[in-house]
Amino acid sequence: MLNFDWANGISTDTAKGIIIGLFFVIGVAVLFLPKKYIYAGVEEPHWYHNLKLWAITALVIIACTYLYF
């Protein structure tokens, strides 16, 4: 099916750097989402309704877990 033989030459540290870089790019992309998408369907928005905070928090937790193991 998928042939990833080309990735055999990549070190573990390089692979982790690439993945963490992708997490960073996704986090920056989340910060550019318009406010109407973030608070869609919320009558009176509070700070905890901000989906940007939840998305960044989830990305940080996943990245820390990935770096630990």
PDB file of N, CA and C in Angstrom:
ATOM      1  N   MET A   1       0.833  -1.187   0.000  1.00  0.00           N
ATOM      2  CA  MET A   1       0.000   0.000   0.000  1.00  0.00           C
ATOM      3  C   MET A   1       0.876   1.249   0.000  1.00  0.00           C
ATOM      4  N   LEU A   2       1.191   1.725   1.175  1.00  0.00           N
ATOM      5  CA  LEU A   2       1.999   2.932   1.271  1.00  0.00           C
ATOM      6  C   LEU A   2       3.459   2.547   1.444  1.00  0.00           C
ATOM      7  N   ASN A   3       4.315   3.200   0.709  1.00  0.00           N
ATOM      8  CA  ASN A   3       5.727   2.888   0.755  1.00  0.00           C
ATOM      9  C   ASN A   3       6.472   4.053   1.415  1.00  0.00           C
ATOM     10  N   PHE A   4       6.914   3.836   2.657  1.00  0.00           N
ATOM     11  CA  PHE A   4       7.630   4.872   3.386  1.00  0.00           C
ATOM     12  C   PHE A   4       9.094   4.488   3.571  1.00  0.00           C
ATOM     13  N   ASP A   5       9.646   3.736   2.628  1.00  0.00           N
ATOM     14  CA  ASP A   5      11.053   3.359   2.716  1.00  0.00           C
ATOM     15  C   ASP A   5      11.969   4.577   2.662  1.00  0.00           C
ATOM     16  N   TRP A   6      11.525   5.643   2.013  1.00  0.00           N
ATOM     17  CA  TRP A   6      12.332   6.850   1.918  1.00  0.00           C
ATOM     18  C   TRP A   6      12.532   7.492   3.285  1.00  0.00           C
ATOM     19  N   ALA A   7      11.660   7.184   4.252  1.00  0.00           N
ATOM     20  CA  ALA A   7      11.747   7.795   5.575  1.00  0.00           C
ATOM     21  C   ALA A   7      12.724   7.070   6.498  1.00  0.00           C
ATOM     22  N   ASN A   8      13.328   5.988   6.040  1.00  0.00           N
ATOM     23  CA  ASN A   8      14.273   5.262   6.880  1.00  0.00           C
ATOM     24  C   ASN A   8      15.504   6.089   7.214  1.00  0.00           C
ATOM     25  N   GLY A   9      15.877   7.003   6.369  1.00  0.00           N
ATOM     26  CA  GLY A   9      17.068   7.807   6.585  1.00  0.00           C
ATOM     27  C   GLY A   9      16.858   9.000   7.503  1.00  0.00           C
ATOM     28  N   ILE A  10      15.615   9.261   7.909  1.00  0.00           N
ATOM     29  CA  ILE A  10      15.315  10.402   8.775  1.00  0.00           C
ATOM     30  C   ILE A  10      15.502   9.981  10.226  1.00  0.00           C
ATOM     31  N   SER A  11      16.235  10.793  10.982  1.00  0.00           N
ATOM     32  CA  SER A  11      16.435  10.480  12.397  1.00  0.00           C
ATOM     33  C   SER A  11      15.159  10.749  13.187  1.00  0.00           C
ATOM     34  N   THR A  12      15.095  10.179  14.379  1.00  0.00           N
ATOM     35  CA  THR A  12      13.926  10.370  15.234  1.00  0.00           C
ATOM     36  C   THR A  12      13.770  11.833  15.628  1.00  0.00           C
ATOM     37  N   ASP A  13      14.879  12.493  15.920  1.00  0.00           N
ATOM     38  CA  ASP A  13      14.808  13.907  16.304  1.00  0.00           C
ATOM     39  C   ASP A  13      14.304  14.774  15.154  1.00  0.00           C
ATOM     40  N   THR A  14      14.724  14.466  13.942  1.00  0.00           N
ATOM     41  CA  THR A  14      14.247  15.212  12.779  1.00  0.00           C
ATOM     42  C   THR A  14      12.756  14.986  12.573  1.00  0.00           C
ATOM     43  N   ALA A  15      12.314  13.756  12.715  1.00  0.00           N
ATOM     44  CA  ALA A  15      10.890  13.443  12.561  1.00  0.00           C
ATOM     45  C   ALA A  15      10.063  14.168  13.621  1.00  0.00           C
ATOM     46  N   LYS A  16      10.550  14.174  14.866  1.00  0.00           N
ATOM     47  CA  LYS A  16       9.835  14.904  15.919  1.00  0.00           C
ATOM     48  C   LYS A  16       9.789  16.391  15.614  1.00  0.00           C
ATOM     49  N   GLY A  17      10.868  16.941  15.105  1.00  0.00           N
ATOM     50  CA  GLY A  17      10.898  18.360  14.745  1.00  0.00           C
ATOM     51  C   GLY A  17       9.893  18.683  13.660  1.00  0.00           C
ATOM     52  N   ILE A  18       9.774  17.809  12.682  1.00  0.00           N
ATOM     53  CA  ILE A  18       8.803  18.016  11.593  1.00  0.00           C
ATOM     54  C   ILE A  18       7.380  17.993  12.133  1.00  0.00           C
ATOM     55  N   ILE A  19       7.088  17.026  12.981  1.00  0.00           N
ATOM     56  CA  ILE A  19       5.734  16.905  13.537  1.00  0.00           C
ATOM     57  C   ILE A  19       5.401  18.093  14.432  1.00  0.00           C
ATOM     58  N   ILE A  20       6.343  18.503  15.281  1.00  0.00           N
ATOM     59  CA  ILE A  20       6.104  19.663  16.142  1.00  0.00           C
ATOM     60  C   ILE A  20       5.939  20.918  15.286  1.00  0.00           C
ATOM     61  N   GLY A  21       6.682  21.027  14.211  1.00  0.00           N
ATOM     62  CA  GLY A  21       6.515  22.140  13.286  1.00  0.00           C
ATOM     63  C   GLY A  21       5.125  22.162  12.674  1.00  0.00           C
ATOM     64  N   LEU A  22       4.608  20.992  12.328  1.00  0.00           N
ATOM     65  CA  LEU A  22       3.244  20.913  11.792  1.00  0.00           C
ATOM     66  C   LEU A  22       2.215  21.325  12.836  1.00  0.00           C
ATOM     67  N   PHE A  23       2.426  20.901  14.095  1.00  0.00           N
ATOM     68  CA  PHE A  23       1.531  21.328  15.175  1.00  0.00           C
ATOM     69  C   PHE A  23       1.563  22.851  15.305  1.00  0.00           C
ATOM     70  N   PHE A  24       2.750  23.439  15.191  1.00  0.00           N
ATOM     71  CA  PHE A  24       2.878  24.889  15.285  1.00  0.00           C
ATOM     72  C   PHE A  24       2.136  25.581  14.144  1.00  0.00           C
ATOM     73  N   VAL A  25       2.279  25.058  12.938  1.00  0.00           N
ATOM     74  CA  VAL A  25       1.587  25.641  11.775  1.00  0.00           C
ATOM     75  C   VAL A  25       0.071  25.544  11.950  1.00  0.00           C
ATOM     76  N   ILE A  26      -0.406  24.414  12.439  1.00  0.00           N
ATOM     77  CA  ILE A  26      -1.841  24.262  12.684  1.00  0.00           C
ATOM     78  C   ILE A  26      -2.309  25.258  13.741  1.00  0.00           C
ATOM     79  N   GLY A  27      -1.509  25.429  14.799  1.00  0.00           N
ATOM     80  CA  GLY A  27      -1.856  26.383  15.852  1.00  0.00           C
ATOM     81  C   GLY A  27      -1.933  27.806  15.331  1.00  0.00           C
ATOM     82  N   VAL A  28      -1.008  28.182  14.471  1.00  0.00           N
ATOM     83  CA  VAL A  28      -1.038  29.529  13.884  1.00  0.00           C
ATOM     84  C   VAL A  28      -2.255  29.672  12.971  1.00  0.00           C
ATOM     85  N   ALA A  29      -2.578  28.633  12.220  1.00  0.00           N
ATOM     86  CA  ALA A  29      -3.757  28.683  11.339  1.00  0.00           C
ATOM     87  C   ALA A  29      -5.039  28.853  12.156  1.00  0.00           C
ATOM     88  N   VAL A  30      -5.108  28.216  13.315  1.00  0.00           N
ATOM     89  CA  VAL A  30      -6.283  28.347  14.181  1.00  0.00           C
ATOM     90  C   VAL A  30      -6.440  29.791  14.648  1.00  0.00           C
ATOM     91  N   LEU A  31      -5.335  30.459  14.901  1.00  0.00           N
ATOM     92  CA  LEU A  31      -5.401  31.845  15.381  1.00  0.00           C
ATOM     93  C   LEU A  31      -5.973  32.802  14.339  1.00  0.00           C
ATOM     94  N   PHE A  32      -5.969  32.421  13.077  1.00  0.00           N
ATOM     95  CA  PHE A  32      -6.487  33.278  12.011  1.00  0.00           C
ATOM     96  C   PHE A  32      -7.964  33.018  11.687  1.00  0.00           C
ATOM     97  N   LEU A  33      -8.614  32.128  12.419  1.00  0.00           N
ATOM     98  CA  LEU A  33     -10.036  31.877  12.181  1.00  0.00           C
ATOM     99  C   LEU A  33     -10.853  33.109  12.554  1.00  0.00           C
ATOM    100  N   PRO A  34     -11.858  33.445  11.752  1.00  0.00           N
ATOM    101  CA  PRO A  34     -12.689  34.614  12.056  1.00  0.00           C
ATOM    102  C   PRO A  34     -13.528  34.397  13.321  1.00  0.00           C
ATOM    103  N   LYS A  35     -13.864  35.488  13.961  1.00  0.00           N
ATOM    104  CA  LYS A  35     -14.614  35.441  15.215  1.00  0.00           C
ATOM    105  C   LYS A  35     -15.998  34.803  15.042  1.00  0.00           C
ATOM    106  N   LYS A  36     -16.596  34.967  13.857  1.00  0.00           N
ATOM    107  CA  LYS A  36     -17.938  34.407  13.647  1.00  0.00           C
ATOM    108  C   LYS A  36     -17.914  32.867  13.676  1.00  0.00           C
ATOM    109  N   TYR A  37     -16.784  32.257  13.311  1.00  0.00           N
ATOM    110  CA  TYR A  37     -16.671  30.806  13.405  1.00  0.00           C
ATOM    111  C   TYR A  37     -16.416  30.358  14.839  1.00  0.00           C
ATOM    112  N   ILE A  38     -15.714  31.167  15.580  1.00  0.00           N
ATOM    113  CA  ILE A  38     -15.335  30.799  16.935  1.00  0.00           C
ATOM    114  C   ILE A  38     -16.539  30.796  17.861  1.00  0.00           C
ATOM    115  N   TYR A  39     -17.391  31.795  17.717  1.00  0.00           N
ATOM    116  CA  TYR A  39     -18.547  31.930  18.606  1.00  0.00           C
ATOM    117  C   TYR A  39     -19.859  31.583  17.913  1.00  0.00           C
ATOM    118  N   ALA A  40     -19.835  30.725  16.935  1.00  0.00           N
ATOM    119  CA  ALA A  40     -21.058  30.362  16.209  1.00  0.00           C
ATOM    120  C   ALA A  40     -22.045  29.671  17.152  1.00  0.00           C
ATOM    121  N   GLY A  41     -23.250  30.208  17.205  1.00  0.00           N
ATOM    122  CA  GLY A  41     -24.310  29.611  18.016  1.00  0.00           C
ATOM    123  C   GLY A  41     -24.277  29.980  19.487  1.00  0.00           C
ATOM    124  N   VAL A  42     -23.387  30.873  19.887  1.00  0.00           N
ATOM    125  CA  VAL A  42     -23.293  31.275  21.297  1.00  0.00           C
ATOM    126  C   VAL A  42     -23.972  32.632  21.454  1.00  0.00           C
ATOM    127  N   GLU A  43     -24.956  32.682  22.341  1.00  0.00           N
ATOM    128  CA  GLU A  43     -25.699  33.930  22.561  1.00  0.00           C
ATOM    129  C   GLU A  43     -24.846  34.958  23.305  1.00  0.00           C
ATOM    130  N   GLU A  44     -24.322  34.571  24.457  1.00  0.00           N
ATOM    131  CA  GLU A  44     -23.502  35.464  25.275  1.00  0.00           C
ATOM    132  C   GLU A  44     -22.128  34.824  25.462  1.00  0.00           C
ATOM    133  N   PRO A  45     -21.173  35.159  24.622  1.00  0.00           N
ATOM    134  CA  PRO A  45     -19.873  34.485  24.698  1.00  0.00           C
ATOM    135  C   PRO A  45     -19.088  34.847  25.962  1.00  0.00           C
ATOM    136  N   HIS A  46     -18.513  33.826  26.557  1.00  0.00           N
ATOM    137  CA  HIS A  46     -17.592  33.975  27.678  1.00  0.00           C
ATOM    138  C   HIS A  46     -16.220  33.516  27.196  1.00  0.00           C
ATOM    139  N   TRP A  47     -15.199  33.700  28.003  1.00  0.00           N
ATOM    140  CA  TRP A  47     -13.835  33.357  27.590  1.00  0.00           C
ATOM    141  C   TRP A  47     -13.704  31.866  27.292  1.00  0.00           C
ATOM    142  N   TYR A  48     -14.446  31.015  28.010  1.00  0.00           N
ATOM    143  CA  TYR A  48     -14.326  29.575  27.813  1.00  0.00           C
ATOM    144  C   TYR A  48     -15.076  29.070  26.577  1.00  0.00           C
ATOM    145  N   HIS A  49     -15.812  29.928  25.909  1.00  0.00           N
ATOM    146  CA  HIS A  49     -16.454  29.561  24.643  1.00  0.00           C
ATOM    147  C   HIS A  49     -15.520  29.744  23.445  1.00  0.00           C
ATOM    148  N   ASN A  50     -14.379  30.332  23.665  1.00  0.00           N
ATOM    149  CA  ASN A  50     -13.435  30.603  22.581  1.00  0.00           C
ATOM    150  C   ASN A  50     -12.773  29.293  22.137  1.00  0.00           C
ATOM    151  N   LEU A  51     -13.132  28.839  20.954  1.00  0.00           N
ATOM    152  CA  LEU A  51     -12.602  27.571  20.450  1.00  0.00           C
ATOM    153  C   LEU A  51     -11.116  27.639  20.137  1.00  0.00           C
ATOM    154  N   LYS A  52     -10.591  28.842  19.939  1.00  0.00           N
ATOM    155  CA  LYS A  52      -9.155  28.981  19.706  1.00  0.00           C
ATOM    156  C   LYS A  52      -8.373  28.517  20.935  1.00  0.00           C
ATOM    157  N   LEU A  53      -8.843  28.885  22.113  1.00  0.00           N
ATOM    158  CA  LEU A  53      -8.172  28.457  23.345  1.00  0.00           C
ATOM    159  C   LEU A  53      -8.177  26.938  23.484  1.00  0.00           C
ATOM    160  N   TRP A  54      -9.307  26.328  23.205  1.00  0.00           N
ATOM    161  CA  TRP A  54      -9.418  24.871  23.321  1.00  0.00           C
ATOM    162  C   TRP A  54      -8.547  24.165  22.291  1.00  0.00           C
ATOM    163  N   ALA A  55      -8.502  24.695  21.075  1.00  0.00           N
ATOM    164  CA  ALA A  55      -7.694  24.072  20.024  1.00  0.00           C
ATOM    165  C   ALA A  55      -6.208  24.186  20.343  1.00  0.00           C
ATOM    166  N   ILE A  56      -5.758  25.356  20.779  1.00  0.00           N
ATOM    167  CA  ILE A  56      -4.350  25.548  21.122  1.00  0.00           C
ATOM    168  C   ILE A  56      -3.980  24.678  22.322  1.00  0.00           C
ATOM    169  N   THR A  57      -4.864  24.607  23.317  1.00  0.00           N
ATOM    170  CA  THR A  57      -4.607  23.754  24.490  1.00  0.00           C
ATOM    171  C   THR A  57      -4.464  22.299  24.082  1.00  0.00           C
ATOM    172  N   ALA A  58      -5.354  21.833  23.229  1.00  0.00           N
ATOM    173  CA  ALA A  58      -5.279  20.442  22.769  1.00  0.00           C
ATOM    174  C   ALA A  58      -3.986  20.193  21.986  1.00  0.00           C
ATOM    175  N   LEU A  59      -3.605  21.123  21.129  1.00  0.00           N
ATOM    176  CA  LEU A  59      -2.360  20.963  20.364  1.00  0.00           C
ATOM    177  C   LEU A  59      -1.135  20.936  21.275  1.00  0.00           C
ATOM    178  N   VAL A  60      -1.132  21.774  22.304  1.00  0.00           N
ATOM    179  CA  VAL A  60       0.000  21.790  23.235  1.00  0.00           C
ATOM    180  C   VAL A  60       0.081  20.477  24.003  1.00  0.00           C
ATOM    181  N   ILE A  61      -1.058  19.962  24.449  1.00  0.00           N
ATOM    182  CA  ILE A  61      -1.067  18.685  25.175  1.00  0.00           C
ATOM    183  C   ILE A  61      -0.587  17.556  24.282  1.00  0.00           C
ATOM    184  N   ILE A  62      -1.060  17.507  23.064  1.00  0.00           N
ATOM    185  CA  ILE A  62      -0.642  16.458  22.131  1.00  0.00           C
ATOM    186  C   ILE A  62       0.839  16.578  21.821  1.00  0.00           C
ATOM    187  N   ALA A  63       1.326  17.797  21.595  1.00  0.00           N
ATOM    188  CA  ALA A  63       2.740  18.008  21.287  1.00  0.00           C
ATOM    189  C   ALA A  63       3.620  17.611  22.469  1.00  0.00           C
ATOM    190  N   CYS A  64       3.215  17.970  23.684  1.00  0.00           N
ATOM    191  CA  CYS A  64       4.001  17.589  24.873  1.00  0.00           C
ATOM    192  C   CYS A  64       4.038  16.067  25.047  1.00  0.00           C
ATOM    193  N   THR A  65       2.917  15.427  24.818  1.00  0.00           N
ATOM    194  CA  THR A  65       2.865  13.971  24.906  1.00  0.00           C
ATOM    195  C   THR A  65       3.763  13.359  23.840  1.00  0.00           C
ATOM    196  N   TYR A  66       3.723  13.911  22.651  1.00  0.00           N
ATOM    197  CA  TYR A  66       4.549  13.401  21.550  1.00  0.00           C
ATOM    198  C   TYR A  66       6.026  13.577  21.869  1.00  0.00           C
ATOM    199  N   LEU A  67       6.394  14.730  22.426  1.00  0.00           N
ATOM    200  CA  LEU A  67       7.802  14.971  22.769  1.00  0.00           C
ATOM    201  C   LEU A  67       8.277  14.083  23.920  1.00  0.00           C
ATOM    202  N   TYR A  68       7.384  13.782  24.845  1.00  0.00           N
ATOM    203  CA  TYR A  68       7.751  12.952  25.996  1.00  0.00           C
ATOM    204  C   TYR A  68       8.067  11.515  25.573  1.00  0.00           C
ATOM    205  N   PHE A  69       7.252  10.976  24.696  1.00  0.00           N
ATOM    206  CA  PHE A  69       7.445   9.586  24.280  1.00  0.00           C
ATOM    207  C   PHE A  69       8.203   9.542  22.984  1.00  0.00           C
TER     208      PHE A  69
END
